[in-house]
Amino acid sequence: MMQDMFCPSAEVVLLFCLGWSAMMQDMFCPSAEVVLLFCLGWSAMMQDMFCPSAVVVLLFCLGWSAMMQDMFCPSAVVVLLFCLGWSAMMQDMFCPSAEVVLLFCLGWSAMMQDMFCPSAEVVLLFCLGWSAMMQDMFCLSAIVFC
């Protein structure tokens, strides 16, 4: 957040808000999140910069789908999360090993349950940030923590 390195300003702020909101509330408030996801996906789609094509498309679809419905329909979302994790796992490109594993587990877990269990997701988001914070690899310190 302080350095604004690998992400555009908008994306850094969105990621920060998403992480902070989830940590503070320990739940998913659809309205705020769908807007954030949509903006994140749209911004990445327009720039096609820091993400692989597949990830950008997935983020955009996730945001668009949620924006249209203004709610989380598990089926579509869990499939996207699973694909995002699987894609990263297969390529091991834009994420450290620990992070792709977390993304994969998040998607797999959601796929198995076909629902959003806030607690588990919040913990995964926190662990993802903490892990990156410890390694300080592909993310800004402030962002990965949140």
Protein backbone atom coordinates (compact mmCIF):
# COMPACT_ATOMS: atom_id res chain seq x y z
CA MET A 1 0.00 0.00 0.00
CA MET A 2 2.85 2.33 0.94
CA GLN A 3 4.99 1.48 -2.05
CA ASP A 4 2.33 0.71 -4.67
CA MET A 5 4.64 -1.73 -6.44
CA PHE A 6 3.13 -4.60 -8.43
CA CYS A 7 -0.48 -3.42 -8.36
CA PRO A 8 -2.34 -0.38 -9.64
CA SER A 9 -3.52 1.92 -6.87
CA ALA A 10 -7.15 0.89 -7.30
CA GLU A 11 -6.37 -2.79 -6.95
CA VAL A 12 -4.21 -2.26 -3.89
CA VAL A 13 -7.01 -0.36 -2.18
CA LEU A 14 -9.61 -2.94 -3.21
CA LEU A 15 -7.55 -5.83 -1.89
CA PHE A 16 -6.93 -3.97 1.35
CA CYS A 17 -10.62 -3.21 1.84
CA LEU A 18 -11.67 -6.75 0.99
CA GLY A 19 -9.22 -8.30 3.44
CA TRP A 20 -9.86 -5.79 6.21
CA SER A 21 -13.63 -6.01 5.86
CA ALA A 22 -13.60 -9.80 6.00
CA MET A 23 -11.27 -9.86 9.02
CA MET A 24 -13.30 -7.30 10.95
CA GLN A 25 -16.71 -8.77 10.28
CA ASP A 26 -15.83 -12.43 9.84
CA MET A 27 -18.56 -12.70 7.26
CA PHE A 28 -19.24 -11.90 3.63
CA CYS A 29 -21.33 -8.82 2.92
CA PRO A 30 -22.32 -9.45 -0.72
CA SER A 31 -23.02 -5.87 -1.81
CA ALA A 32 -19.62 -4.45 -0.94
CA GLU A 33 -17.73 -7.52 -2.06
CA VAL A 34 -19.38 -7.92 -5.45
CA VAL A 35 -18.56 -4.33 -6.29
CA LEU A 36 -14.96 -4.81 -5.18
CA LEU A 37 -14.62 -8.06 -7.10
CA PHE A 38 -16.14 -6.51 -10.20
CA CYS A 39 -13.82 -3.50 -10.07
CA LEU A 40 -10.80 -5.70 -9.45
CA GLY A 41 -11.69 -7.94 -12.37
CA TRP A 42 -12.57 -5.08 -14.69
CA SER A 43 -9.40 -3.18 -13.88
CA ALA A 44 -7.27 -6.28 -14.49
CA MET A 45 -9.16 -7.07 -17.70
CA MET A 46 -8.49 -3.57 -19.02
CA GLN A 47 -4.79 -3.68 -18.20
CA ASP A 48 -4.08 -7.41 -18.45
CA MET A 49 -0.94 -6.66 -16.49
CA PHE A 50 -0.06 -8.45 -13.26
CA CYS A 51 -2.25 -11.51 -13.85
CA PRO A 52 -2.18 -14.38 -16.35
CA SER A 53 -4.97 -14.16 -18.93
CA ALA A 54 -6.90 -17.02 -17.35
CA VAL A 55 -6.85 -15.38 -13.92
CA VAL A 56 -7.94 -12.02 -15.27
CA VAL A 57 -10.88 -13.59 -17.08
CA LEU A 58 -11.86 -15.56 -13.97
CA LEU A 59 -11.73 -12.47 -11.79
CA PHE A 60 -13.83 -10.54 -14.28
CA CYS A 61 -16.42 -13.32 -14.58
CA LEU A 62 -16.58 -13.72 -10.82
CA GLY A 63 -17.17 -10.00 -10.36
CA TRP A 64 -19.62 -9.72 -13.25
CA SER A 65 -21.66 -12.72 -12.14
CA ALA A 66 -21.87 -11.42 -8.58
CA MET A 67 -22.64 -7.89 -9.75
CA MET A 68 -25.56 -9.11 -11.86
CA GLN A 69 -27.07 -11.10 -9.01
CA ASP A 70 -25.84 -8.99 -6.08
CA MET A 71 -25.33 -12.13 -4.07
CA PHE A 72 -23.11 -15.17 -3.93
CA CYS A 73 -24.46 -18.14 -5.83
CA PRO A 74 -22.12 -20.84 -4.54
CA SER A 75 -22.10 -23.02 -7.64
CA ALA A 76 -20.66 -20.43 -10.03
CA VAL A 77 -18.35 -18.88 -7.47
CA VAL A 78 -16.87 -22.10 -6.15
CA VAL A 79 -16.18 -23.32 -9.66
CA LEU A 80 -14.36 -20.07 -10.45
CA LEU A 81 -12.39 -20.24 -7.22
CA PHE A 82 -11.47 -23.85 -7.91
CA CYS A 83 -10.36 -23.03 -11.47
CA LEU A 84 -8.36 -20.06 -10.24
CA GLY A 85 -6.55 -22.21 -7.69
CA TRP A 86 -6.07 -25.12 -10.08
CA SER A 87 -4.78 -22.86 -12.84
CA ALA A 88 -2.27 -21.26 -10.48
CA MET A 89 -1.26 -24.67 -9.12
CA MET A 90 -0.61 -25.95 -12.64
CA GLN A 91 1.37 -22.91 -13.74
CA ASP A 92 2.94 -21.92 -10.41
CA MET A 93 3.60 -18.58 -12.09
CA PHE A 94 2.39 -15.37 -10.47
CA CYS A 95 2.15 -16.77 -6.94
CA PRO A 96 4.54 -18.31 -4.42
CA SER A 97 3.97 -22.00 -3.78
CA ALA A 98 2.27 -21.39 -0.45
CA GLU A 99 -0.19 -18.98 -1.99
CA VAL A 100 -1.23 -21.17 -4.89
CA VAL A 101 -1.79 -24.00 -2.45
CA LEU A 102 -4.02 -21.76 -0.34
CA LEU A 103 -5.96 -20.63 -3.41
CA PHE A 104 -6.38 -24.23 -4.50
CA CYS A 105 -7.52 -25.32 -1.05
CA LEU A 106 -9.98 -22.44 -0.86
CA GLY A 107 -11.49 -23.42 -4.19
CA TRP A 108 -11.47 -27.14 -3.42
CA SER A 109 -13.02 -26.65 0.00
CA ALA A 110 -15.80 -24.48 -1.45
CA MET A 111 -16.33 -26.97 -4.29
CA MET A 112 -16.78 -29.79 -1.80
CA GLN A 113 -19.21 -27.88 0.40
CA ASP A 114 -20.87 -25.80 -2.32
CA MET A 115 -21.30 -22.88 0.04
CA PHE A 116 -19.38 -20.07 1.68
CA CYS A 117 -18.26 -20.76 5.24
CA PRO A 118 -17.07 -17.29 6.26
CA SER A 119 -14.79 -18.41 9.09
CA ALA A 120 -12.78 -20.75 6.89
CA GLU A 121 -12.45 -18.18 4.12
CA VAL A 122 -11.42 -15.39 6.44
CA VAL A 123 -8.77 -17.61 7.97
CA LEU A 124 -7.50 -18.56 4.51
CA LEU A 125 -7.35 -14.91 3.46
CA PHE A 126 -5.44 -14.07 6.61
CA CYS A 127 -3.07 -17.02 6.17
CA LEU A 128 -2.50 -16.06 2.55
CA GLY A 129 -1.54 -12.56 3.62
CA TRP A 130 0.55 -13.70 6.58
CA SER A 131 2.44 -16.23 4.48
CA ALA A 132 3.28 -13.60 1.87
CA MET A 133 4.17 -11.13 4.62
CA MET A 134 6.72 -13.59 5.97
CA GLN A 135 8.21 -14.15 2.54
CA ASP A 136 7.58 -10.65 1.16
CA MET A 137 7.73 -12.03 -2.36
CA PHE A 138 5.07 -11.00 -4.91
CA CYS A 139 3.01 -8.62 -2.78
CA LEU A 140 3.35 -5.36 -0.90
CA SER A 141 3.77 -5.76 2.83
CA ALA A 142 0.64 -3.83 3.72
CA ILE A 143 -1.52 -5.60 1.16
CA VAL A 144 -0.52 -9.16 1.91
CA PHE A 145 -1.10 -8.69 5.62
CA CYS A 146 -4.66 -7.55 5.06
